[in-house]
Structures are given as C-alpha cells and as structure tokens.
Amino acid sequence: MARRLTAALAARGGPLATGMGVSFGEVVAGYVGSARRFEYTVIGDAVNEAARLCELAKDHPTRVLTSGRALDAATAAEAAHWQRGETLVLRGRTDPTSLASPVG
C-alpha cells in the first residue's frame, strides 16, 4: 500500500515533501485522554520503528522505506516490488533493522 500510495501522490503533482516508513509487529491502539480531550493513538515497538523509517525515507530517493520484518510478512507478489538494502541500528533502538525500498 505504501508503494502504491506514494506513486499516486507523486502522480498528482510534484515531488513528495515527506517520507513513509512501514513496519510490522504488534501494537496497541485506542483512545487516550480525558473526557475533555480524547485522542486516538497507537503505541508499540513497530510504531517506533516506523517513525524512524519515516525520518530516513525523507532523504531516500523513493521516499518510502520498509523494515525487513515487514517485507518478510508481505505476500510474495508484494515482496517482488521491493529491494533489500542496508542493515543499520535506528536512532533510539538497539537491534539492527534491515531496510528495503520499492523497485522502480
């Protein structure tokens, strides 16, 4: 979806000014706050990883990066549209994350 969304946005006019990061894992989602101010949020390691991937994607030519873990969970048909790249330790994390970006 991230790959197709980026292509659709680019087709609507000009380069993207953002980055998109895709991660995979368990998260907790729900409303938090008080009766006066409710907010919907998502927390978990996958959310943190996606945020760091977004930071990196802003400087990547494709503007989209996914983790190797997310790519491993994708269908074979979707995985064929991605190319694995470097492995690095993302800011604020201790375990290395393998990166992948869309092909073409």
PDB file of N, CA and C in Angstrom:
ATOM      1  N   MET A   1       0.816  -1.186   0.000  1.00  0.00           N
ATOM      2  CA  MET A   1       0.000   0.000   0.000  1.00  0.00           C
ATOM      3  C   MET A   1       0.867   1.260   0.000  1.00  0.00           C
ATOM      4  N   ALA A   2       1.921   1.278   0.788  1.00  0.00           N
ATOM      5  CA  ALA A   2       2.785   2.460   0.840  1.00  0.00           C
ATOM      6  C   ALA A   2       3.389   2.749  -0.528  1.00  0.00           C
ATOM      7  N   ARG A   3       3.778   1.698  -1.201  1.00  0.00           N
ATOM      8  CA  ARG A   3       4.368   1.841  -2.532  1.00  0.00           C
ATOM      9  C   ARG A   3       3.374   2.452  -3.502  1.00  0.00           C
ATOM     10  N   ARG A   4       2.145   1.968  -3.496  1.00  0.00           N
ATOM     11  CA  ARG A   4       1.117   2.488  -4.403  1.00  0.00           C
ATOM     12  C   ARG A   4       0.667   3.886  -3.998  1.00  0.00           C
ATOM     13  N   LEU A   5       0.577   4.135  -2.712  1.00  0.00           N
ATOM     14  CA  LEU A   5       0.169   5.462  -2.233  1.00  0.00           C
ATOM     15  C   LEU A   5       1.184   6.524  -2.639  1.00  0.00           C
ATOM     16  N   THR A   6       2.447   6.228  -2.511  1.00  0.00           N
ATOM     17  CA  THR A   6       3.493   7.176  -2.903  1.00  0.00           C
ATOM     18  C   THR A   6       3.427   7.471  -4.395  1.00  0.00           C
ATOM     19  N   ALA A   7       3.234   6.445  -5.203  1.00  0.00           N
ATOM     20  CA  ALA A   7       3.122   6.640  -6.652  1.00  0.00           C
ATOM     21  C   ALA A   7       1.903   7.477  -6.996  1.00  0.00           C
ATOM     22  N   ALA A   8       0.782   7.240  -6.340  1.00  0.00           N
ATOM     23  CA  ALA A   8      -0.440   8.004  -6.604  1.00  0.00           C
ATOM     24  C   ALA A   8      -0.272   9.468  -6.202  1.00  0.00           C
ATOM     25  N   LEU A   9       0.362   9.715  -5.076  1.00  0.00           N
ATOM     26  CA  LEU A   9       0.582  11.098  -4.643  1.00  0.00           C
ATOM     27  C   LEU A   9       1.525  11.833  -5.586  1.00  0.00           C
ATOM     28  N   ALA A  10       2.569  11.161  -6.027  1.00  0.00           N
ATOM     29  CA  ALA A  10       3.516  11.773  -6.960  1.00  0.00           C
ATOM     30  C   ALA A  10       2.846  12.093  -8.290  1.00  0.00           C
ATOM     31  N   ALA A  11       1.926  11.244  -8.721  1.00  0.00           N
ATOM     32  CA  ALA A  11       1.224  11.466  -9.984  1.00  0.00           C
ATOM     33  C   ALA A  11       0.287  12.667  -9.925  1.00  0.00           C
ATOM     34  N   ARG A  12      -0.077  13.073  -8.717  1.00  0.00           N
ATOM     35  CA  ARG A  12      -0.996  14.209  -8.563  1.00  0.00           C
ATOM     36  C   ARG A  12      -0.280  15.539  -8.619  1.00  0.00           C
ATOM     37  N   GLY A  13       1.018  15.526  -8.766  1.00  0.00           N
ATOM     38  CA  GLY A  13       1.700  16.796  -8.945  1.00  0.00           C
ATOM     39  C   GLY A  13       2.913  17.012  -8.075  1.00  0.00           C
ATOM     40  N   GLY A  14       4.052  16.828  -8.661  1.00  0.00           N
ATOM     41  CA  GLY A  14       5.278  17.205  -7.990  1.00  0.00           C
ATOM     42  C   GLY A  14       5.821  16.190  -7.023  1.00  0.00           C
ATOM     43  N   PRO A  15       7.011  16.480  -6.528  1.00  0.00           N
ATOM     44  CA  PRO A  15       7.665  15.565  -5.593  1.00  0.00           C
ATOM     45  C   PRO A  15       7.017  15.607  -4.216  1.00  0.00           C
ATOM     46  N   LEU A  16       7.162  14.523  -3.505  1.00  0.00           N
ATOM     47  CA  LEU A  16       6.649  14.459  -2.148  1.00  0.00           C
ATOM     48  C   LEU A  16       7.589  15.174  -1.198  1.00  0.00           C
ATOM     49  N   ALA A  17       7.031  15.806  -0.211  1.00  0.00           N
ATOM     50  CA  ALA A  17       7.853  16.512   0.777  1.00  0.00           C
ATOM     51  C   ALA A  17       7.916  15.729   2.079  1.00  0.00           C
ATOM     52  N   THR A  18       7.546  14.471   2.046  1.00  0.00           N
ATOM     53  CA  THR A  18       7.533  13.655   3.259  1.00  0.00           C
ATOM     54  C   THR A  18       8.210  12.320   2.995  1.00  0.00           C
ATOM     55  N   GLY A  19       8.284  11.520   4.023  1.00  0.00           N
ATOM     56  CA  GLY A  19       8.788  10.167   3.891  1.00  0.00           C
ATOM     57  C   GLY A  19       7.786   9.212   4.507  1.00  0.00           C
ATOM     58  N   MET A  20       7.781   7.983   4.023  1.00  0.00           N
ATOM     59  CA  MET A  20       6.846   6.989   4.534  1.00  0.00           C
ATOM     60  C   MET A  20       7.638   5.779   5.021  1.00  0.00           C
ATOM     61  N   GLY A  21       7.353   5.353   6.252  1.00  0.00           N
ATOM     62  CA  GLY A  21       8.013   4.195   6.823  1.00  0.00           C
ATOM     63  C   GLY A  21       7.007   3.111   7.152  1.00  0.00           C
ATOM     64  N   VAL A  22       7.356   1.877   6.812  1.00  0.00           N
ATOM     65  CA  VAL A  22       6.458   0.747   7.031  1.00  0.00           C
ATOM     66  C   VAL A  22       7.151  -0.250   7.953  1.00  0.00           C
ATOM     67  N   SER A  23       6.459  -0.627   9.009  1.00  0.00           N
ATOM     68  CA  SER A  23       6.981  -1.590   9.956  1.00  0.00           C
ATOM     69  C   SER A  23       5.945  -2.695  10.136  1.00  0.00           C
ATOM     70  N   PHE A  24       6.293  -3.697  10.927  1.00  0.00           N
ATOM     71  CA  PHE A  24       5.390  -4.812  11.163  1.00  0.00           C
ATOM     72  C   PHE A  24       5.568  -5.285  12.595  1.00  0.00           C
ATOM     73  N   GLY A  25       4.456  -5.508  13.284  1.00  0.00           N
ATOM     74  CA  GLY A  25       4.525  -6.024  14.637  1.00  0.00           C
ATOM     75  C   GLY A  25       3.262  -5.711  15.409  1.00  0.00           C
ATOM     76  N   GLU A  26       3.238  -6.167  16.638  1.00  0.00           N
ATOM     77  CA  GLU A  26       2.079  -5.925  17.491  1.00  0.00           C
ATOM     78  C   GLU A  26       2.101  -4.496  18.024  1.00  0.00           C
ATOM     79  N   VAL A  27       0.928  -3.881  18.041  1.00  0.00           N
ATOM     80  CA  VAL A  27       0.765  -2.541  18.585  1.00  0.00           C
ATOM     81  C   VAL A  27      -0.507  -2.505  19.417  1.00  0.00           C
ATOM     82  N   VAL A  28      -0.605  -1.479  20.229  1.00  0.00           N
ATOM     83  CA  VAL A  28      -1.829  -1.231  20.987  1.00  0.00           C
ATOM     84  C   VAL A  28      -2.420   0.056  20.448  1.00  0.00           C
ATOM     85  N   ALA A  29      -3.688   0.015  20.072  1.00  0.00           N
ATOM     86  CA  ALA A  29      -4.353   1.183  19.517  1.00  0.00           C
ATOM     87  C   ALA A  29      -5.604   1.482  20.324  1.00  0.00           C
ATOM     88  N   GLY A  30      -5.878   2.748  20.487  1.00  0.00           N
ATOM     89  CA  GLY A  30      -7.088   3.111  21.207  1.00  0.00           C
ATOM     90  C   GLY A  30      -7.130   4.585  21.552  1.00  0.00           C
ATOM     91  N   TYR A  31      -8.188   4.955  22.235  1.00  0.00           N
ATOM     92  CA  TYR A  31      -8.378   6.332  22.652  1.00  0.00           C
ATOM     93  C   TYR A  31      -7.753   6.541  24.023  1.00  0.00           C
ATOM     94  N   VAL A  32      -7.064   7.647  24.177  1.00  0.00           N
ATOM     95  CA  VAL A  32      -6.475   8.016  25.459  1.00  0.00           C
ATOM     96  C   VAL A  32      -6.850   9.461  25.756  1.00  0.00           C
ATOM     97  N   GLY A  33      -6.743   9.823  27.006  1.00  0.00           N
ATOM     98  CA  GLY A  33      -7.012  11.204  27.372  1.00  0.00           C
ATOM     99  C   GLY A  33      -8.127  11.287  28.392  1.00  0.00           C
ATOM    100  N   SER A  34      -8.676  12.461  28.484  1.00  0.00           N
ATOM    101  CA  SER A  34      -9.738  12.732  29.451  1.00  0.00           C
ATOM    102  C   SER A  34     -11.061  12.923  28.725  1.00  0.00           C
ATOM    103  N   ALA A  35     -12.108  13.127  29.480  1.00  0.00           N
ATOM    104  CA  ALA A  35     -13.424  13.371  28.887  1.00  0.00           C
ATOM    105  C   ALA A  35     -13.431  14.657  28.062  1.00  0.00           C
ATOM    106  N   ARG A  36     -12.539  15.578  28.399  1.00  0.00           N
ATOM    107  CA  ARG A  36     -12.469  16.855  27.670  1.00  0.00           C
ATOM    108  C   ARG A  36     -11.662  16.752  26.385  1.00  0.00           C
ATOM    109  N   ARG A  37     -10.736  15.822  26.352  1.00  0.00           N
ATOM    110  CA  ARG A  37      -9.887  15.715  25.161  1.00  0.00           C
ATOM    111  C   ARG A  37      -9.497  14.257  24.918  1.00  0.00           C
ATOM    112  N   PHE A  38     -10.147  13.653  23.957  1.00  0.00           N
ATOM    113  CA  PHE A  38      -9.872  12.277  23.554  1.00  0.00           C
ATOM    114  C   PHE A  38      -8.958  12.298  22.333  1.00  0.00           C
ATOM    115  N   GLU A  39      -7.962  11.449  22.326  1.00  0.00           N
ATOM    116  CA  GLU A  39      -7.094  11.296  21.165  1.00  0.00           C
ATOM    117  C   GLU A  39      -6.936   9.822  20.862  1.00  0.00           C
ATOM    118  N   TYR A  40      -6.854   9.518  19.597  1.00  0.00           N
ATOM    119  CA  TYR A  40      -6.610   8.150  19.167  1.00  0.00           C
ATOM    120  C   TYR A  40      -5.111   7.999  18.976  1.00  0.00           C
ATOM    121  N   THR A  41      -4.526   6.942  19.502  1.00  0.00           N
ATOM    122  CA  THR A  41      -3.086   6.751  19.377  1.00  0.00           C
ATOM    123  C   THR A  41      -2.752   5.283  19.175  1.00  0.00           C
ATOM    124  N   VAL A  42      -1.555   5.057  18.707  1.00  0.00           N
ATOM    125  CA  VAL A  42      -1.034   3.711  18.516  1.00  0.00           C
ATOM    126  C   VAL A  42       0.354   3.689  19.147  1.00  0.00           C
ATOM    127  N   ILE A  43       0.612   2.688  19.985  1.00  0.00           N
ATOM    128  CA  ILE A  43       1.917   2.589  20.633  1.00  0.00           C
ATOM    129  C   ILE A  43       2.477   1.182  20.449  1.00  0.00           C
ATOM    130  N   GLY A  44       3.772   1.081  20.499  1.00  0.00           N
ATOM    131  CA  GLY A  44       4.437  -0.212  20.388  1.00  0.00           C
ATOM    132  C   GLY A  44       5.738  -0.081  19.630  1.00  0.00           C
ATOM    133  N   ASP A  45       6.548  -1.119  19.676  1.00  0.00           N
ATOM    134  CA  ASP A  45       7.847  -1.108  19.028  1.00  0.00           C
ATOM    135  C   ASP A  45       7.733  -0.880  17.524  1.00  0.00           C
ATOM    136  N   ALA A  46       6.736  -1.463  16.888  1.00  0.00           N
ATOM    137  CA  ALA A  46       6.567  -1.283  15.438  1.00  0.00           C
ATOM    138  C   ALA A  46       6.279   0.174  15.092  1.00  0.00           C
ATOM    139  N   VAL A  47       5.577   0.879  15.968  1.00  0.00           N
ATOM    140  CA  VAL A  47       5.292   2.297  15.739  1.00  0.00           C
ATOM    141  C   VAL A  47       6.591   3.099  15.815  1.00  0.00           C
ATOM    142  N   ASN A  48       7.415   2.795  16.801  1.00  0.00           N
ATOM    143  CA  ASN A  48       8.696   3.483  16.938  1.00  0.00           C
ATOM    144  C   ASN A  48       9.590   3.214  15.725  1.00  0.00           C
ATOM    145  N   GLU A  49       9.619   1.965  15.277  1.00  0.00           N
ATOM    146  CA  GLU A  49      10.420   1.628  14.111  1.00  0.00           C
ATOM    147  C   GLU A  49       9.923   2.371  12.873  1.00  0.00           C
ATOM    148  N   ALA A  50       8.615   2.417  12.674  1.00  0.00           N
ATOM    149  CA  ALA A  50       8.044   3.118  11.523  1.00  0.00           C
ATOM    150  C   ALA A  50       8.394   4.605  11.551  1.00  0.00           C
ATOM    151  N   ALA A  51       8.376   5.207  12.733  1.00  0.00           N
ATOM    152  CA  ALA A  51       8.728   6.620  12.851  1.00  0.00           C
ATOM    153  C   ALA A  51      10.174   6.860  12.438  1.00  0.00           C
ATOM    154  N   ARG A  52      11.067   5.969  12.840  1.00  0.00           N
ATOM    155  CA  ARG A  52      12.480   6.118  12.458  1.00  0.00           C
ATOM    156  C   ARG A  52      12.665   5.888  10.960  1.00  0.00           C
ATOM    157  N   LEU A  53      11.910   4.949  10.399  1.00  0.00           N
ATOM    158  CA  LEU A  53      11.971   4.718   8.959  1.00  0.00           C
ATOM    159  C   LEU A  53      11.460   5.933   8.186  1.00  0.00           C
ATOM    160  N   CYS A  54      10.451   6.603   8.724  1.00  0.00           N
ATOM    161  CA  CYS A  54       9.945   7.839   8.097  1.00  0.00           C
ATOM    162  C   CYS A  54      11.044   8.892   8.020  1.00  0.00           C
ATOM    163  N   GLU A  55      11.796   9.037   9.105  1.00  0.00           N
ATOM    164  CA  GLU A  55      12.898  10.006   9.127  1.00  0.00           C
ATOM    165  C   GLU A  55      13.899   9.711   8.015  1.00  0.00           C
ATOM    166  N   LEU A  56      14.283   8.448   7.893  1.00  0.00           N
ATOM    167  CA  LEU A  56      15.243   8.060   6.860  1.00  0.00           C
ATOM    168  C   LEU A  56      14.666   8.201   5.458  1.00  0.00           C
ATOM    169  N   ALA A  57      13.386   7.895   5.306  1.00  0.00           N
ATOM    170  CA  ALA A  57      12.756   7.930   3.986  1.00  0.00           C
ATOM    171  C   ALA A  57      12.727   9.331   3.396  1.00  0.00           C
ATOM    172  N   LYS A  58      12.706  10.353   4.227  1.00  0.00           N
ATOM    173  CA  LYS A  58      12.699  11.733   3.730  1.00  0.00           C
ATOM    174  C   LYS A  58      13.924  12.035   2.877  1.00  0.00           C
ATOM    175  N   ASP A  59      15.031  11.351   3.147  1.00  0.00           N
ATOM    176  CA  ASP A  59      16.260  11.569   2.386  1.00  0.00           C
ATOM    177  C   ASP A  59      16.544  10.456   1.384  1.00  0.00           C
ATOM    178  N   HIS A  60      15.636   9.518   1.258  1.00  0.00           N
ATOM    179  CA  HIS A  60      15.821   8.397   0.329  1.00  0.00           C
ATOM    180  C   HIS A  60      15.152   8.744  -1.005  1.00  0.00           C
ATOM    181  N   PRO A  61      15.751   8.382  -2.128  1.00  0.00           N
ATOM    182  CA  PRO A  61      15.166   8.732  -3.436  1.00  0.00           C
ATOM    183  C   PRO A  61      13.722   8.267  -3.629  1.00  0.00           C
ATOM    184  N   THR A  62      13.352   7.116  -3.059  1.00  0.00           N
ATOM    185  CA  THR A  62      11.992   6.605  -3.249  1.00  0.00           C
ATOM    186  C   THR A  62      10.987   7.214  -2.278  1.00  0.00           C
ATOM    187  N   ARG A  63      11.494   7.834  -1.209  1.00  0.00           N
ATOM    188  CA  ARG A  63      10.664   8.424  -0.146  1.00  0.00           C
ATOM    189  C   ARG A  63       9.871   7.387   0.636  1.00  0.00           C
ATOM    190  N   VAL A  64      10.174   6.096   0.420  1.00  0.00           N
ATOM    191  CA  VAL A  64       9.492   5.017   1.140  1.00  0.00           C
ATOM    192  C   VAL A  64      10.532   3.986   1.570  1.00  0.00           C
ATOM    193  N   LEU A  65      10.475   3.598   2.838  1.00  0.00           N
ATOM    194  CA  LEU A  65      11.328   2.517   3.341  1.00  0.00           C
ATOM    195  C   LEU A  65      10.481   1.578   4.186  1.00  0.00           C
ATOM    196  N   THR A  66      10.806   0.315   4.121  1.00  0.00           N
ATOM    197  CA  THR A  66      10.148  -0.670   4.973  1.00  0.00           C
ATOM    198  C   THR A  66      11.212  -1.484   5.696  1.00  0.00           C
ATOM    199  N   SER A  67      10.806  -2.081   6.787  1.00  0.00           N
ATOM    200  CA  SER A  67      11.726  -2.948   7.513  1.00  0.00           C
ATOM    201  C   SER A  67      11.742  -4.321   6.862  1.00  0.00           C
ATOM    202  N   GLY A  68      12.835  -5.028   7.048  1.00  0.00           N
ATOM    203  CA  GLY A  68      12.912  -6.395   6.548  1.00  0.00           C
ATOM    204  C   GLY A  68      11.841  -7.270   7.162  1.00  0.00           C
ATOM    205  N   ARG A  69      11.503  -6.985   8.414  1.00  0.00           N
ATOM    206  CA  ARG A  69      10.457  -7.759   9.106  1.00  0.00           C
ATOM    207  C   ARG A  69       9.107  -7.573   8.405  1.00  0.00           C
ATOM    208  N   ALA A  70       8.810  -6.350   7.974  1.00  0.00           N
ATOM    209  CA  ALA A  70       7.559  -6.104   7.250  1.00  0.00           C
ATOM    210  C   ALA A  70       7.577  -6.792   5.889  1.00  0.00           C
ATOM    211  N   LEU A  71       8.714  -6.737   5.241  1.00  0.00           N
ATOM    212  CA  LEU A  71       8.839  -7.383   3.936  1.00  0.00           C
ATOM    213  C   LEU A  71       8.701  -8.896   4.062  1.00  0.00           C
ATOM    214  N   ASP A  72       9.234  -9.465   5.133  1.00  0.00           N
ATOM    215  CA  ASP A  72       9.095 -10.908   5.371  1.00  0.00           C
ATOM    216  C   ASP A  72       7.631 -11.305   5.559  1.00  0.00           C
ATOM    217  N   ALA A  73       6.814 -10.397   6.082  1.00  0.00           N
ATOM    218  CA  ALA A  73       5.399 -10.685   6.327  1.00  0.00           C
ATOM    219  C   ALA A  73       4.522 -10.431   5.099  1.00  0.00           C
ATOM    220  N   ALA A  74       5.082  -9.786   4.081  1.00  0.00           N
ATOM    221  CA  ALA A  74       4.315  -9.468   2.868  1.00  0.00           C
ATOM    222  C   ALA A  74       4.119 -10.712   2.010  1.00  0.00           C
ATOM    223  N   THR A  75       3.156 -10.638   1.122  1.00  0.00           N
ATOM    224  CA  THR A  75       2.974 -11.723   0.153  1.00  0.00           C
ATOM    225  C   THR A  75       4.171 -11.740  -0.802  1.00  0.00           C
ATOM    226  N   ALA A  76       4.378 -12.849  -1.449  1.00  0.00           N
ATOM    227  CA  ALA A  76       5.473 -12.954  -2.416  1.00  0.00           C
ATOM    228  C   ALA A  76       5.285 -11.957  -3.555  1.00  0.00           C
ATOM    229  N   ALA A  77       4.036 -11.753  -3.967  1.00  0.00           N
ATOM    230  CA  ALA A  77       3.761 -10.807  -5.049  1.00  0.00           C
ATOM    231  C   ALA A  77       4.147  -9.388  -4.652  1.00  0.00           C
ATOM    232  N   GLU A  78       3.854  -8.992  -3.425  1.00  0.00           N
ATOM    233  CA  GLU A  78       4.228  -7.649  -2.966  1.00  0.00           C
ATOM    234  C   GLU A  78       5.725  -7.557  -2.737  1.00  0.00           C
ATOM    235  N   ALA A  79       6.320  -8.564  -2.133  1.00  0.00           N
ATOM    236  CA  ALA A  79       7.756  -8.549  -1.848  1.00  0.00           C
ATOM    237  C   ALA A  79       8.585  -8.405  -3.122  1.00  0.00           C
ATOM    238  N   ALA A  80       8.056  -8.872  -4.239  1.00  0.00           N
ATOM    239  CA  ALA A  80       8.773  -8.771  -5.513  1.00  0.00           C
ATOM    240  C   ALA A  80       8.953  -7.328  -5.961  1.00  0.00           C
ATOM    241  N   HIS A  81       8.198  -6.403  -5.397  1.00  0.00           N
ATOM    242  CA  HIS A  81       8.284  -4.984  -5.757  1.00  0.00           C
ATOM    243  C   HIS A  81       9.273  -4.213  -4.884  1.00  0.00           C
ATOM    244  N   TRP A  82       9.982  -4.910  -4.008  1.00  0.00           N
ATOM    245  CA  TRP A  82      10.894  -4.263  -3.068  1.00  0.00           C
ATOM    246  C   TRP A  82      12.301  -4.813  -3.223  1.00  0.00           C
ATOM    247  N   GLN A  83      13.275  -3.974  -2.929  1.00  0.00           N
ATOM    248  CA  GLN A  83      14.681  -4.373  -2.962  1.00  0.00           C
ATOM    249  C   GLN A  83      15.279  -4.176  -1.573  1.00  0.00           C
ATOM    250  N   ARG A  84      15.893  -5.229  -1.065  1.00  0.00           N
ATOM    251  CA  ARG A  84      16.533  -5.129   0.253  1.00  0.00           C
ATOM    252  C   ARG A  84      17.800  -4.303   0.137  1.00  0.00           C
ATOM    253  N   GLY A  85      18.056  -3.538   1.192  1.00  0.00           N
ATOM    254  CA  GLY A  85      19.239  -2.686   1.210  1.00  0.00           C
ATOM    255  C   GLY A  85      20.065  -2.936   2.449  1.00  0.00           C
ATOM    256  N   GLU A  86      20.571  -1.857   3.012  1.00  0.00           N
ATOM    257  CA  GLU A  86      21.475  -1.967   4.156  1.00  0.00           C
ATOM    258  C   GLU A  86      20.742  -2.340   5.439  1.00  0.00           C
ATOM    259  N   THR A  87      21.509  -2.749   6.410  1.00  0.00           N
ATOM    260  CA  THR A  87      21.012  -3.029   7.754  1.00  0.00           C
ATOM    261  C   THR A  87      21.711  -2.066   8.687  1.00  0.00           C
ATOM    262  N   LEU A  88      20.939  -1.403   9.549  1.00  0.00           N
ATOM    263  CA  LEU A  88      21.522  -0.447  10.480  1.00  0.00           C
ATOM    264  C   LEU A  88      20.728  -0.380  11.769  1.00  0.00           C
ATOM    265  N   VAL A  89      21.309   0.230  12.766  1.00  0.00           N
ATOM    266  CA  VAL A  89      20.622   0.427  14.039  1.00  0.00           C
ATOM    267  C   VAL A  89      19.970   1.803  13.985  1.00  0.00           C
ATOM    268  N   LEU A  90      18.659   1.823  14.071  1.00  0.00           N
ATOM    269  CA  LEU A  90      17.915   3.079  14.001  1.00  0.00           C
ATOM    270  C   LEU A  90      18.048   3.849  15.308  1.00  0.00           C
ATOM    271  N   ARG A  91      17.924   5.152  15.219  1.00  0.00           N
ATOM    272  CA  ARG A  91      18.037   6.027  16.382  1.00  0.00           C
ATOM    273  C   ARG A  91      17.094   5.561  17.491  1.00  0.00           C
ATOM    274  N   GLY A  92      17.630   5.450  18.703  1.00  0.00           N
ATOM    275  CA  GLY A  92      16.832   5.068  19.857  1.00  0.00           C
ATOM    276  C   GLY A  92      16.541   3.586  19.977  1.00  0.00           C
ATOM    277  N   ARG A  93      17.150   2.774  19.131  1.00  0.00           N
ATOM    278  CA  ARG A  93      16.907   1.333  19.155  1.00  0.00           C
ATOM    279  C   ARG A  93      18.226   0.602  19.351  1.00  0.00           C
ATOM    280  N   THR A  94      18.170  -0.640  19.769  1.00  0.00           N
ATOM    281  CA  THR A  94      19.397  -1.408  19.975  1.00  0.00           C
ATOM    282  C   THR A  94      19.564  -2.520  18.946  1.00  0.00           C
ATOM    283  N   ASP A  95      18.469  -3.039  18.436  1.00  0.00           N
ATOM    284  CA  ASP A  95      18.547  -4.122  17.454  1.00  0.00           C
ATOM    285  C   ASP A  95      18.669  -3.548  16.042  1.00  0.00           C
ATOM    286  N   PRO A  96      19.462  -4.183  15.186  1.00  0.00           N
ATOM    287  CA  PRO A  96      19.579  -3.707  13.806  1.00  0.00           C
ATOM    288  C   PRO A  96      18.285  -3.945  13.024  1.00  0.00           C
ATOM    289  N   THR A  97      18.031  -3.063  12.093  1.00  0.00           N
ATOM    290  CA  THR A  97      16.856  -3.146  11.226  1.00  0.00           C
ATOM    291  C   THR A  97      17.338  -3.218   9.785  1.00  0.00           C
ATOM    292  N   SER A  98      16.891  -4.221   9.052  1.00  0.00           N
ATOM    293  CA  SER A  98      17.218  -4.278   7.620  1.00  0.00           C
ATOM    294  C   SER A  98      16.201  -3.422   6.876  1.00  0.00           C
ATOM    295  N   LEU A  99      16.676  -2.697   5.889  1.00  0.00           N
ATOM    296  CA  LEU A  99      15.835  -1.769   5.133  1.00  0.00           C
ATOM    297  C   LEU A  99      15.526  -2.331   3.754  1.00  0.00           C
ATOM    298  N   ALA A 100      14.402  -1.905   3.201  1.00  0.00           N
ATOM    299  CA  ALA A 100      14.030  -2.240   1.837  1.00  0.00           C
ATOM    300  C   ALA A 100      13.303  -1.044   1.242  1.00  0.00           C
ATOM    301  N   SER A 101      13.423  -0.883  -0.072  1.00  0.00           N
ATOM    302  CA  SER A 101      12.756   0.218  -0.762  1.00  0.00           C
ATOM    303  C   SER A 101      12.093  -0.307  -2.031  1.00  0.00           C
ATOM    304  N   PRO A 102      11.108   0.417  -2.524  1.00  0.00           N
ATOM    305  CA  PRO A 102      10.417  -0.034  -3.744  1.00  0.00           C
ATOM    306  C   PRO A 102      11.359  -0.066  -4.945  1.00  0.00           C
ATOM    307  N   VAL A 103      11.148  -1.021  -5.816  1.00  0.00           N
ATOM    308  CA  VAL A 103      11.913  -1.139  -7.048  1.00  0.00           C
ATOM    309  C   VAL A 103      11.196  -0.318  -8.116  1.00  0.00           C
ATOM    310  N   GLY A 104      11.980   0.440  -8.867  1.00  0.00           N
ATOM    311  CA  GLY A 104      11.414   1.195  -9.988  1.00  0.00           C
ATOM    312  C   GLY A 104      10.600   2.323  -9.644  1.00  0.00           C
TER     313      GLY A 104
END
